[in-house]
Amino acid sequence: MNQKIKVNDILLPKILKNNLAKFVNETRQKNAIPILITPVMRRRFDETGKFYDVHGAYPDLVRRVADSLKVEFLDLHRAK
């Protein structure tokens, strides 16, 4: 099995997680209340009409950061 792995597939989630944590910590240092929000679900369909999520792993990453840092969280991705 010879799969090519893109650097961005590995690094991008880590970079996003670190940036969210940085924003949370900087906000708290200013005595403000950070709130993390997932992106709104977009209805996208491929050429066969099958639904696909354009946000990939990002909403779950935001959920995990919010949980681990005990941050107020609004999940627009799962909202109906």
C-alpha atoms as a PDB file:
ATOM      1  CA  MET A   1       0.000   0.000   0.000  1.00  0.00           C
ATOM      2  CA  ASN A   2       1.671   3.172  -1.186  1.00  0.00           C
ATOM      3  CA  GLN A   3      -0.475   6.162  -0.221  1.00  0.00           C
ATOM      4  CA  LYS A   4       0.699   9.718  -0.543  1.00  0.00           C
ATOM      5  CA  ILE A   5      -0.067  11.827   2.496  1.00  0.00           C
ATOM      6  CA  LYS A   6      -0.220  15.546   2.041  1.00  0.00           C
ATOM      7  CA  VAL A   7       1.539  17.600   4.687  1.00  0.00           C
ATOM      8  CA  ASN A   8      -1.554  19.770   5.048  1.00  0.00           C
ATOM      9  CA  ASP A   9      -3.680  16.728   5.958  1.00  0.00           C
ATOM     10  CA  ILE A  10      -1.508  16.236   9.030  1.00  0.00           C
ATOM     11  CA  LEU A  11      -0.471  19.774   9.946  1.00  0.00           C
ATOM     12  CA  LEU A  12      -3.599  21.785   9.198  1.00  0.00           C
ATOM     13  CA  PRO A  13      -5.766  20.308  11.996  1.00  0.00           C
ATOM     14  CA  LYS A  14      -2.946  20.833  14.497  1.00  0.00           C
ATOM     15  CA  ILE A  15      -2.449  24.420  13.333  1.00  0.00           C
ATOM     16  CA  LEU A  16      -6.189  25.136  13.562  1.00  0.00           C
ATOM     17  CA  LYS A  17      -6.391  23.577  17.032  1.00  0.00           C
ATOM     18  CA  ASN A  18      -3.423  25.631  18.233  1.00  0.00           C
ATOM     19  CA  ASN A  19      -4.881  28.835  16.778  1.00  0.00           C
ATOM     20  CA  LEU A  20      -8.257  28.263  18.448  1.00  0.00           C
ATOM     21  CA  ALA A  21      -6.546  27.598  21.781  1.00  0.00           C
ATOM     22  CA  LYS A  22      -4.451  30.753  21.338  1.00  0.00           C
ATOM     23  CA  PHE A  23      -7.556  32.857  20.641  1.00  0.00           C
ATOM     24  CA  VAL A  24      -9.305  31.393  23.694  1.00  0.00           C
ATOM     25  CA  ASN A  25      -6.340  32.070  25.973  1.00  0.00           C
ATOM     26  CA  GLU A  26      -5.789  35.601  24.658  1.00  0.00           C
ATOM     27  CA  THR A  27      -9.484  36.372  25.102  1.00  0.00           C
ATOM     28  CA  ARG A  28      -9.442  35.113  28.685  1.00  0.00           C
ATOM     29  CA  GLN A  29      -6.319  37.167  29.444  1.00  0.00           C
ATOM     30  CA  LYS A  30      -8.356  40.255  28.540  1.00  0.00           C
ATOM     31  CA  ASN A  31     -11.078  39.206  30.997  1.00  0.00           C
ATOM     32  CA  ALA A  32     -13.476  38.490  28.151  1.00  0.00           C
ATOM     33  CA  ILE A  33     -15.538  35.370  27.601  1.00  0.00           C
ATOM     34  CA  PRO A  34     -14.517  33.323  24.565  1.00  0.00           C
ATOM     35  CA  ILE A  35     -17.202  31.548  22.568  1.00  0.00           C
ATOM     36  CA  LEU A  36     -16.378  28.998  19.886  1.00  0.00           C
ATOM     37  CA  ILE A  37     -18.846  28.445  17.055  1.00  0.00           C
ATOM     38  CA  THR A  38     -18.886  25.816  14.330  1.00  0.00           C
ATOM     39  CA  PRO A  39     -19.632  26.889  10.767  1.00  0.00           C
ATOM     40  CA  VAL A  40     -23.203  26.619   9.487  1.00  0.00           C
ATOM     41  CA  MET A  41     -23.893  23.366   7.629  1.00  0.00           C
ATOM     42  CA  ARG A  42     -24.010  23.921   3.894  1.00  0.00           C
ATOM     43  CA  ARG A  43     -26.095  21.693   1.705  1.00  0.00           C
ATOM     44  CA  ARG A  44     -23.806  20.516  -1.092  1.00  0.00           C
ATOM     45  CA  PHE A  45     -24.342  17.654  -3.472  1.00  0.00           C
ATOM     46  CA  ASP A  46     -22.004  15.930  -5.876  1.00  0.00           C
ATOM     47  CA  GLU A  47     -22.826  15.199  -9.528  1.00  0.00           C
ATOM     48  CA  THR A  48     -24.775  12.069  -8.525  1.00  0.00           C
ATOM     49  CA  GLY A  49     -26.912  13.981  -6.037  1.00  0.00           C
ATOM     50  CA  LYS A  50     -25.193  12.572  -2.960  1.00  0.00           C
ATOM     51  CA  PHE A  51     -24.834  14.987  -0.032  1.00  0.00           C
ATOM     52  CA  TYR A  52     -21.338  15.813   1.215  1.00  0.00           C
ATOM     53  CA  ASP A  53     -20.072  17.989   4.046  1.00  0.00           C
ATOM     54  CA  VAL A  54     -17.787  20.754   2.807  1.00  0.00           C
ATOM     55  CA  HIS A  55     -16.340  21.481   6.270  1.00  0.00           C
ATOM     56  CA  GLY A  56     -14.595  18.156   6.745  1.00  0.00           C
ATOM     57  CA  ALA A  57     -13.057  17.650  10.190  1.00  0.00           C
ATOM     58  CA  TYR A  58     -13.208  21.317  11.190  1.00  0.00           C
ATOM     59  CA  PRO A  59     -16.523  21.227  13.159  1.00  0.00           C
ATOM     60  CA  ASP A  60     -15.340  18.254  15.249  1.00  0.00           C
ATOM     61  CA  LEU A  61     -12.042  19.998  15.889  1.00  0.00           C
ATOM     62  CA  VAL A  62     -13.892  23.079  17.223  1.00  0.00           C
ATOM     63  CA  ARG A  63     -16.058  20.832  19.430  1.00  0.00           C
ATOM     64  CA  ARG A  64     -12.992  19.114  20.897  1.00  0.00           C
ATOM     65  CA  VAL A  65     -11.186  22.403  21.591  1.00  0.00           C
ATOM     66  CA  ALA A  66     -14.292  23.877  23.236  1.00  0.00           C
ATOM     67  CA  ASP A  67     -14.651  20.792  25.418  1.00  0.00           C
ATOM     68  CA  SER A  68     -10.988  20.559  26.396  1.00  0.00           C
ATOM     69  CA  LEU A  69     -10.717  24.269  27.268  1.00  0.00           C
ATOM     70  CA  LYS A  70     -14.181  24.490  28.883  1.00  0.00           C
ATOM     71  CA  VAL A  71     -15.281  27.227  26.482  1.00  0.00           C
ATOM     72  CA  GLU A  72     -18.833  28.355  25.735  1.00  0.00           C
ATOM     73  CA  PHE A  73     -19.812  26.621  22.504  1.00  0.00           C
ATOM     74  CA  LEU A  74     -22.458  27.110  19.835  1.00  0.00           C
ATOM     75  CA  ASP A  75     -22.860  24.277  17.334  1.00  0.00           C
ATOM     76  CA  LEU A  76     -24.341  25.753  14.165  1.00  0.00           C
ATOM     77  CA  HIS A  77     -23.103  22.807  12.147  1.00  0.00           C
ATOM     78  CA  ARG A  78     -25.576  20.447  13.816  1.00  0.00           C
ATOM     79  CA  ALA A  79     -28.356  22.983  14.381  1.00  0.00           C
ATOM     80  CA  LYS A  80     -31.584  22.342  12.523  1.00  0.00           C
END
